[in-house]
Amino acid sequence: MDGAQGTCFVSSLQWRVQPIRLGAACVTQQRRAQWASPVVQRPRQERSPGRWLLRRPSRSCPRRQDGAWGPVMAVREIDTQEEMERALTEAGDALVVVDYGTTWCGPCKLMEPKLQSWSEEYTKVVFLKVIGDKSKETSMMMKAAGIRSVPSFHFYKNGERIHTINGAKSDEILSSIETHI
């Protein structure tokens, strides 16, 4: 036992030992057993979740209309033709704006934050994004939609294409959203 540290090592477990007062009466083994407490690290999977899971979201994360915390709306990425058809049917008579772009396109990257803010502002409009160079299927989707230049924005209502805008023309896109709502 190391007297300076107040600890001793027994069979690879560390025990903390409380010092015994010299002026005290007889100290029994039971009392010593109460003073000694093992310091054993729990395995990682048994530990409680981090504090970040228990914290309430910050004020920068707004409350939605349904009362839950989180982003109000998001631009949903579409990877397959089935997802596109499902999203158009789920939207019903709501306006759907589909952004066709690629990962290397500079104007496409410039339009991303604008689409995100519009999706939070216009909660009744569904915003979808198709990245053409992500997979063969998304490339085929862009060819089937007749995309020749990116970014290209298609507007759908009741599953039918009603308007198309080619290029990063944010003013024209915004006026089209307000017109077709």
Foldseek 3Di string as FASTA:
>chain_A
DDPVVQWDADPNWIKHWDDDDPPDDDDDPVNRVVRIDIDDDDDPVPDDDDVVVVDDDDVVFDAEPVRDTHQNFAAAEDDAPVSVVVVLVVLAQFKEKEWEEAPPDPLSVVCRVVVGVVCRVPVSYHHYYQHCPPDVRSVVVCVVVVDDAPGKMFMDGRRDTDDIDHDNPVVVVVVVNVVSD
